[in-house]
Amino acid sequence: MDTQNIPSFVLAAGFFTDAELQQLASYGALPSPALVDAFQYEPEIQELMNAFIGDESSRQVHQYLKAREFLAAGAVEKAWKIILL
C-alpha cells in the first residue's frame, strides 16, 4: 500500500509522522472488518475504548496514541486495527 492509499481520515488527522505513515503503508492491505471487530474484544483494547465512552474526541486521540505504541513495537497490523475501530 502506498501512503496515497491510506484512508483519508488517517491522513487528515495529522497525528502520525511520515515514518509512521510509511510503516502503515508498508503493511499491504487493511485488516478485514472481521479482524478489526474481533480486536475490540481484547482486554487491553476494551479497557481503552470503555474509558472514553461519550467522549469521541478523547477516545480517538487515545486510539491514535495506542496505534503509535504498536508502530513503535513493530506491530503494524495491531496499529491498523486500533485505527480502524
N, C-alpha and C. Protein backbone atom coordinates (compact mmCIF):
# COMPACT_ATOMS: atom_id res chain seq x y z
N MET A 1 0.86 -1.17 0.00
CA MET A 1 0.00 0.00 0.00
C MET A 1 0.91 1.23 0.00
N ASP A 2 0.59 2.16 -0.85
CA ASP A 2 1.30 3.43 -0.91
C ASP A 2 0.63 4.39 0.07
N THR A 3 1.37 5.39 0.56
CA THR A 3 0.76 6.32 1.51
C THR A 3 -0.45 7.02 0.90
N GLN A 4 -0.51 7.10 -0.42
CA GLN A 4 -1.69 7.69 -1.08
C GLN A 4 -2.92 6.81 -0.88
N ASN A 5 -2.72 5.55 -0.58
CA ASN A 5 -3.84 4.62 -0.38
C ASN A 5 -4.27 4.50 1.08
N ILE A 6 -3.61 5.24 1.96
CA ILE A 6 -4.02 5.25 3.36
C ILE A 6 -5.35 6.01 3.43
N PRO A 7 -6.31 5.51 4.19
CA PRO A 7 -7.61 6.20 4.28
C PRO A 7 -7.45 7.69 4.61
N SER A 8 -8.27 8.49 3.98
CA SER A 8 -8.16 9.95 4.12
C SER A 8 -8.31 10.43 5.56
N PHE A 9 -9.13 9.75 6.36
CA PHE A 9 -9.30 10.21 7.74
C PHE A 9 -8.01 10.05 8.55
N VAL A 10 -7.18 9.09 8.18
CA VAL A 10 -5.89 8.91 8.87
C VAL A 10 -4.95 10.04 8.49
N LEU A 11 -4.89 10.34 7.20
CA LEU A 11 -4.02 11.42 6.74
C LEU A 11 -4.50 12.76 7.26
N ALA A 12 -5.80 12.98 7.25
CA ALA A 12 -6.37 14.27 7.69
C ALA A 12 -6.17 14.50 9.18
N ALA A 13 -6.03 13.45 9.94
CA ALA A 13 -5.86 13.60 11.39
C ALA A 13 -4.57 14.34 11.71
N GLY A 14 -3.57 14.22 10.84
CA GLY A 14 -2.30 14.89 11.07
C GLY A 14 -1.59 14.40 12.33
N PHE A 15 -1.91 13.23 12.77
CA PHE A 15 -1.42 12.70 14.04
C PHE A 15 -0.13 11.90 13.88
N PHE A 16 0.03 11.26 12.73
CA PHE A 16 1.14 10.35 12.52
C PHE A 16 2.27 11.02 11.75
N THR A 17 3.50 10.66 12.12
CA THR A 17 4.68 11.18 11.42
C THR A 17 4.77 10.53 10.05
N ASP A 18 5.62 11.09 9.19
CA ASP A 18 5.83 10.49 7.88
C ASP A 18 6.35 9.06 8.01
N ALA A 19 7.25 8.85 8.96
CA ALA A 19 7.79 7.50 9.17
C ALA A 19 6.70 6.52 9.60
N GLU A 20 5.80 6.98 10.46
CA GLU A 20 4.69 6.11 10.90
C GLU A 20 3.73 5.83 9.75
N LEU A 21 3.49 6.83 8.92
CA LEU A 21 2.63 6.62 7.75
C LEU A 21 3.27 5.62 6.80
N GLN A 22 4.59 5.68 6.66
CA GLN A 22 5.29 4.71 5.82
C GLN A 22 5.15 3.30 6.39
N GLN A 23 5.24 3.18 7.70
CA GLN A 23 5.03 1.87 8.34
C GLN A 23 3.64 1.35 8.04
N LEU A 24 2.64 2.22 8.19
CA LEU A 24 1.27 1.81 7.92
C LEU A 24 1.12 1.40 6.45
N ALA A 25 1.72 2.18 5.56
CA ALA A 25 1.62 1.89 4.13
C ALA A 25 2.32 0.59 3.77
N SER A 26 3.35 0.23 4.52
CA SER A 26 4.11 -0.98 4.21
C SER A 26 3.35 -2.26 4.54
N TYR A 27 2.26 -2.16 5.26
CA TYR A 27 1.53 -3.35 5.68
C TYR A 27 0.91 -4.11 4.52
N GLY A 28 0.56 -3.44 3.47
CA GLY A 28 -0.05 -4.10 2.33
C GLY A 28 -1.52 -3.79 2.25
N ALA A 29 -2.36 -4.68 2.75
CA ALA A 29 -3.81 -4.48 2.72
C ALA A 29 -4.31 -4.22 4.14
N LEU A 30 -5.39 -3.51 4.22
CA LEU A 30 -6.01 -3.24 5.53
C LEU A 30 -6.56 -4.54 6.11
N PRO A 31 -6.54 -4.68 7.44
CA PRO A 31 -7.15 -5.86 8.06
C PRO A 31 -8.65 -5.92 7.72
N SER A 32 -9.16 -7.11 7.63
CA SER A 32 -10.58 -7.28 7.30
C SER A 32 -11.46 -6.73 8.42
N PRO A 33 -12.69 -6.33 8.08
CA PRO A 33 -13.61 -5.87 9.11
C PRO A 33 -13.81 -6.89 10.23
N ALA A 34 -13.79 -8.18 9.90
CA ALA A 34 -13.97 -9.21 10.93
C ALA A 34 -12.80 -9.22 11.91
N LEU A 35 -11.58 -9.03 11.41
CA LEU A 35 -10.41 -8.98 12.29
C LEU A 35 -10.44 -7.74 13.17
N VAL A 36 -10.84 -6.61 12.59
CA VAL A 36 -10.94 -5.36 13.35
C VAL A 36 -11.99 -5.51 14.44
N ASP A 37 -13.12 -6.09 14.08
CA ASP A 37 -14.21 -6.27 15.05
C ASP A 37 -13.76 -7.16 16.20
N ALA A 38 -13.08 -8.25 15.89
CA ALA A 38 -12.62 -9.17 16.94
C ALA A 38 -11.59 -8.50 17.85
N PHE A 39 -10.80 -7.59 17.30
CA PHE A 39 -9.75 -6.91 18.06
C PHE A 39 -10.31 -6.09 19.21
N GLN A 40 -11.51 -5.54 19.02
CA GLN A 40 -12.08 -4.68 20.07
C GLN A 40 -12.39 -5.44 21.35
N TYR A 41 -12.41 -6.76 21.29
CA TYR A 41 -12.72 -7.56 22.47
C TYR A 41 -11.48 -8.01 23.24
N GLU A 42 -10.30 -7.65 22.75
CA GLU A 42 -9.09 -7.93 23.53
C GLU A 42 -9.13 -7.04 24.76
N PRO A 43 -8.81 -7.59 25.93
CA PRO A 43 -8.97 -6.84 27.19
C PRO A 43 -8.33 -5.44 27.19
N GLU A 44 -7.11 -5.34 26.69
CA GLU A 44 -6.42 -4.05 26.68
C GLU A 44 -7.17 -3.02 25.82
N ILE A 45 -7.70 -3.47 24.71
CA ILE A 45 -8.41 -2.57 23.80
C ILE A 45 -9.78 -2.23 24.37
N GLN A 46 -10.45 -3.21 24.93
CA GLN A 46 -11.76 -2.98 25.54
C GLN A 46 -11.65 -1.95 26.66
N GLU A 47 -10.61 -2.04 27.47
CA GLU A 47 -10.39 -1.09 28.55
C GLU A 47 -10.20 0.33 28.00
N LEU A 48 -9.40 0.44 26.95
CA LEU A 48 -9.16 1.74 26.32
C LEU A 48 -10.47 2.33 25.78
N MET A 49 -11.23 1.53 25.07
CA MET A 49 -12.46 2.02 24.46
C MET A 49 -13.50 2.40 25.52
N ASN A 50 -13.59 1.62 26.57
CA ASN A 50 -14.57 1.89 27.62
C ASN A 50 -14.22 3.12 28.45
N ALA A 51 -12.95 3.45 28.51
CA ALA A 51 -12.50 4.59 29.32
C ALA A 51 -13.00 5.92 28.76
N PHE A 52 -13.37 5.93 27.48
CA PHE A 52 -13.75 7.19 26.85
C PHE A 52 -15.15 7.15 26.23
N ILE A 53 -16.03 6.35 26.81
CA ILE A 53 -17.42 6.31 26.33
C ILE A 53 -18.02 7.70 26.48
N GLY A 54 -18.60 8.18 25.41
CA GLY A 54 -19.24 9.50 25.43
C GLY A 54 -18.29 10.65 25.13
N ASP A 55 -17.01 10.36 24.96
CA ASP A 55 -16.02 11.40 24.65
C ASP A 55 -15.25 10.96 23.41
N GLU A 56 -15.90 11.08 22.27
CA GLU A 56 -15.36 10.61 20.99
C GLU A 56 -13.99 11.20 20.68
N SER A 57 -13.82 12.48 20.93
CA SER A 57 -12.57 13.16 20.61
C SER A 57 -11.40 12.58 21.40
N SER A 58 -11.58 12.44 22.70
CA SER A 58 -10.52 11.87 23.54
C SER A 58 -10.26 10.41 23.20
N ARG A 59 -11.32 9.68 22.90
CA ARG A 59 -11.16 8.27 22.54
C ARG A 59 -10.30 8.14 21.29
N GLN A 60 -10.58 8.97 20.30
CA GLN A 60 -9.82 8.89 19.06
C GLN A 60 -8.35 9.24 19.28
N VAL A 61 -8.09 10.26 20.07
CA VAL A 61 -6.70 10.62 20.38
C VAL A 61 -5.99 9.44 21.04
N HIS A 62 -6.65 8.80 21.99
CA HIS A 62 -6.03 7.68 22.69
C HIS A 62 -5.90 6.45 21.79
N GLN A 63 -6.80 6.28 20.85
CA GLN A 63 -6.65 5.21 19.86
C GLN A 63 -5.39 5.46 19.04
N TYR A 64 -5.21 6.69 18.59
CA TYR A 64 -4.04 7.02 17.79
C TYR A 64 -2.75 6.89 18.60
N LEU A 65 -2.80 7.28 19.87
CA LEU A 65 -1.62 7.11 20.73
C LEU A 65 -1.27 5.62 20.87
N LYS A 66 -2.30 4.80 21.01
CA LYS A 66 -2.08 3.35 21.12
C LYS A 66 -1.52 2.82 19.80
N ALA A 67 -2.02 3.33 18.69
CA ALA A 67 -1.51 2.91 17.38
C ALA A 67 -0.03 3.26 17.27
N ARG A 68 0.36 4.43 17.76
CA ARG A 68 1.77 4.82 17.73
C ARG A 68 2.61 3.88 18.58
N GLU A 69 2.08 3.45 19.73
CA GLU A 69 2.78 2.47 20.57
C GLU A 69 2.99 1.17 19.79
N PHE A 70 1.93 0.72 19.13
CA PHE A 70 2.03 -0.51 18.34
C PHE A 70 3.06 -0.35 17.23
N LEU A 71 3.05 0.79 16.55
CA LEU A 71 4.01 1.02 15.47
C LEU A 71 5.44 1.02 16.01
N ALA A 72 5.66 1.64 17.15
CA ALA A 72 7.00 1.67 17.76
C ALA A 72 7.49 0.26 18.09
N ALA A 73 6.54 -0.63 18.38
CA ALA A 73 6.88 -2.02 18.70
C ALA A 73 6.92 -2.90 17.45
N GLY A 74 6.63 -2.31 16.28
CA GLY A 74 6.64 -3.07 15.04
C GLY A 74 5.37 -3.86 14.79
N ALA A 75 4.33 -3.60 15.56
CA ALA A 75 3.06 -4.32 15.43
C ALA A 75 2.11 -3.53 14.52
N VAL A 76 2.42 -3.54 13.22
CA VAL A 76 1.68 -2.71 12.27
C VAL A 76 0.23 -3.17 12.13
N GLU A 77 0.00 -4.47 12.12
CA GLU A 77 -1.38 -4.95 12.00
C GLU A 77 -2.23 -4.47 13.18
N LYS A 78 -1.69 -4.55 14.38
CA LYS A 78 -2.43 -4.07 15.55
C LYS A 78 -2.67 -2.56 15.45
N ALA A 79 -1.69 -1.83 14.94
CA ALA A 79 -1.86 -0.38 14.76
C ALA A 79 -3.04 -0.11 13.83
N TRP A 80 -3.10 -0.84 12.72
CA TRP A 80 -4.22 -0.66 11.80
C TRP A 80 -5.55 -1.00 12.47
N LYS A 81 -5.57 -2.07 13.22
CA LYS A 81 -6.82 -2.49 13.85
C LYS A 81 -7.34 -1.43 14.81
N ILE A 82 -6.47 -0.84 15.63
CA ILE A 82 -6.94 0.18 16.58
C ILE A 82 -7.36 1.44 15.84
N ILE A 83 -6.69 1.77 14.75
CA ILE A 83 -7.06 2.94 13.96
C ILE A 83 -8.44 2.74 13.34
N LEU A 84 -8.71 1.54 12.88
CA LEU A 84 -9.96 1.27 12.15
C LEU A 84 -11.16 0.99 13.04
N LEU A 85 -10.95 0.89 14.35
CA LEU A 85 -12.09 0.64 15.25
C LEU A 85 -13.04 1.83 15.24
